[in-house]
């Protein structure tokens, strides 16, 4: 039997705390999966959201910068070809446009501007997942 009760580290219900100022068609509201609000002491902010159609407006994620390192993951959902994202996205990092059409992860160091994210094409639903290391809350992120 464990000495500690690890259920306090389980987030069984995500939080829906990210509220864009505008409605974005083709997306579900982002789910916060980990934060200090959900698990005190976690000291990282993790959110994900479904992209189920061509986002409108596009872009809706504009250029911004964080005081924390971030990993941005785009995850395809085709079980027969899990590397195929099902979309093509232009993601500008530090002024350099990156083309993303495969399941991928981008490390964005703190202080580096990133965005906009512009969907160039859409074929199938996919997930966008962000991990902010050291940012324990949405306000910090």
Protein backbone atom coordinates (compact mmCIF):
# COMPACT_ATOMS: atom_id res chain seq x y z
CA UNK A 1 0.00 0.00 0.00
CA UNK A 2 1.42 3.42 -0.95
CA UNK A 3 2.43 5.77 1.84
CA UNK A 4 0.89 8.69 -0.01
CA UNK A 5 -2.52 9.15 -1.60
CA UNK A 6 -1.77 9.95 -5.24
CA UNK A 7 -5.38 10.70 -6.15
CA UNK A 8 -4.64 14.34 -5.34
CA UNK A 9 -2.50 14.40 -8.52
CA UNK A 10 -5.30 13.12 -10.78
CA UNK A 11 -7.25 15.67 -12.79
CA UNK A 12 -10.39 13.71 -13.62
CA UNK A 13 -12.29 16.74 -14.95
CA UNK A 14 -10.53 19.42 -16.96
CA UNK A 15 -11.18 23.10 -16.33
CA UNK A 16 -12.59 25.32 -19.07
CA UNK A 17 -10.91 28.58 -18.12
CA UNK A 18 -9.57 29.80 -21.46
CA UNK A 19 -12.20 32.08 -22.91
CA UNK A 20 -11.25 33.76 -26.18
CA UNK A 21 -12.77 37.18 -26.63
CA UNK A 22 -14.42 35.99 -29.85
CA UNK A 23 -16.21 32.88 -31.06
CA UNK A 24 -13.92 30.68 -33.15
CA UNK A 25 -15.79 28.36 -35.50
CA UNK A 26 -14.16 24.98 -36.04
CA UNK A 27 -12.75 24.71 -32.50
CA UNK A 28 -13.89 23.52 -29.11
CA UNK A 29 -13.02 25.56 -26.00
CA UNK A 30 -9.60 24.64 -24.64
CA UNK A 31 -9.48 22.29 -21.67
CA UNK A 32 -6.96 22.95 -18.91
CA UNK A 33 -5.58 19.52 -17.96
CA UNK A 34 -2.96 20.58 -15.41
CA UNK A 35 -2.28 23.72 -13.39
CA UNK A 36 -1.58 24.77 -9.83
CA UNK A 37 -5.31 25.47 -9.51
CA UNK A 38 -6.10 21.84 -10.35
CA UNK A 39 -3.10 20.22 -8.64
CA UNK A 40 -1.40 22.53 -6.14
CA UNK A 41 2.36 22.43 -6.68
CA UNK A 42 2.21 21.06 -10.26
CA UNK A 43 3.88 24.28 -11.47
CA UNK A 44 3.05 23.77 -15.12
CA UNK A 45 0.14 24.74 -17.29
CA UNK A 46 -1.20 22.18 -19.79
CA UNK A 47 -4.17 22.77 -22.07
CA UNK A 48 -5.59 21.10 -25.14
CA UNK A 49 -8.37 21.70 -27.60
CA UNK A 50 -9.97 20.02 -30.59
CA UNK A 51 -9.79 21.58 -34.02
CA UNK A 52 -12.71 19.98 -35.88
CA UNK A 53 -13.02 22.33 -38.86
CA UNK A 54 -11.21 25.15 -40.59
CA UNK A 55 -10.92 27.80 -37.87
CA UNK A 56 -12.78 31.03 -38.47
CA UNK A 57 -11.48 33.66 -37.92
CA UNK A 58 -8.15 32.50 -39.24
CA UNK A 59 -5.75 33.30 -37.70
CA UNK A 60 -7.25 33.49 -34.24
CA UNK A 61 -3.99 32.90 -32.36
CA UNK A 62 -1.89 36.00 -32.92
CA UNK A 63 1.72 36.89 -32.17
CA UNK A 64 2.50 36.80 -28.45
CA UNK A 65 5.32 36.03 -26.02
CA UNK A 66 5.56 34.23 -22.66
CA UNK A 67 7.88 34.44 -19.67
CA UNK A 68 7.98 30.61 -19.65
CA UNK A 69 9.22 27.89 -21.98
CA UNK A 70 6.41 26.34 -23.99
CA UNK A 71 5.93 23.18 -26.00
CA UNK A 72 3.23 23.36 -28.67
CA UNK A 73 2.04 19.99 -29.95
CA UNK A 74 -0.21 19.36 -32.94
CA UNK A 75 -1.49 15.80 -32.85
CA UNK A 76 -3.15 13.98 -35.74
CA UNK A 77 -6.08 11.65 -35.03
CA UNK A 78 -5.93 9.13 -37.89
CA UNK A 79 -5.23 5.74 -36.27
CA UNK A 80 -4.06 4.38 -39.63
CA UNK A 81 -1.56 7.22 -40.15
CA UNK A 82 -0.89 8.86 -36.80
CA UNK A 83 1.79 11.15 -38.22
CA UNK A 84 -0.65 12.84 -40.62
CA UNK A 85 -1.98 15.97 -38.93
CA UNK A 86 -4.96 16.32 -41.24
CA UNK A 87 -4.19 20.00 -41.77
CA UNK A 88 -1.47 22.38 -42.82
CA UNK A 89 -0.63 25.17 -40.38
CA UNK A 90 1.81 28.03 -40.69
CA UNK A 91 3.24 28.73 -37.22
CA UNK A 92 5.55 31.74 -36.99
CA UNK A 93 8.25 31.38 -34.32
CA UNK A 94 10.73 34.20 -33.76
CA UNK A 95 9.67 35.69 -37.09
CA UNK A 96 10.35 32.44 -38.99
CA UNK A 97 7.33 30.70 -40.58
CA UNK A 98 7.22 26.97 -39.89
CA UNK A 99 4.95 24.71 -41.96
CA UNK A 100 3.28 21.97 -39.93
CA UNK A 101 1.44 19.16 -41.71
CA UNK A 102 2.48 16.22 -39.54
CA UNK A 103 2.05 15.36 -35.88
CA UNK A 104 4.75 17.50 -34.31
CA UNK A 105 6.05 19.36 -31.29
CA UNK A 106 7.67 22.81 -31.26
CA UNK A 107 9.75 24.06 -28.34
CA UNK A 108 9.35 27.82 -27.89
CA UNK A 109 11.90 29.24 -25.43
CA UNK A 110 10.68 31.91 -23.01
CA UNK A 111 10.86 35.39 -24.44
CA UNK A 112 10.58 34.24 -28.08
CA UNK A 113 7.62 35.73 -29.92
CA UNK A 114 5.39 33.21 -31.66
CA UNK A 115 2.28 33.42 -33.75
CA UNK A 116 0.25 33.89 -35.67
CA UNK A 117 -0.92 30.33 -36.31
CA UNK A 118 -2.68 30.24 -39.65
CA UNK A 119 -4.48 27.15 -40.94
CA UNK A 120 -3.73 26.84 -44.67
CA UNK A 121 -5.85 23.70 -45.16
CA UNK A 122 -7.99 21.32 -43.11
CA UNK A 123 -8.85 17.66 -43.88
CA UNK A 124 -9.63 16.04 -40.53
CA UNK A 125 -9.92 16.85 -36.81
CA UNK A 126 -6.74 17.15 -34.78
CA UNK A 127 -5.62 18.28 -31.33
CA UNK A 128 -3.57 21.26 -30.28
CA UNK A 129 -1.79 20.82 -26.94
CA UNK A 130 0.36 23.35 -25.10
CA UNK A 131 2.63 22.73 -22.13
CA UNK A 132 4.05 25.73 -20.28
CA UNK A 133 6.84 24.63 -17.99
CA UNK A 134 6.97 26.67 -14.79
CA UNK A 135 3.74 28.58 -15.47
CA UNK A 136 1.44 27.19 -12.84
CA UNK A 137 -1.70 29.10 -13.77
CA UNK A 138 -3.51 30.57 -16.75
CA UNK A 139 -2.67 34.06 -15.49
CA UNK A 140 1.06 33.24 -15.56
CA UNK A 141 0.78 31.55 -18.94
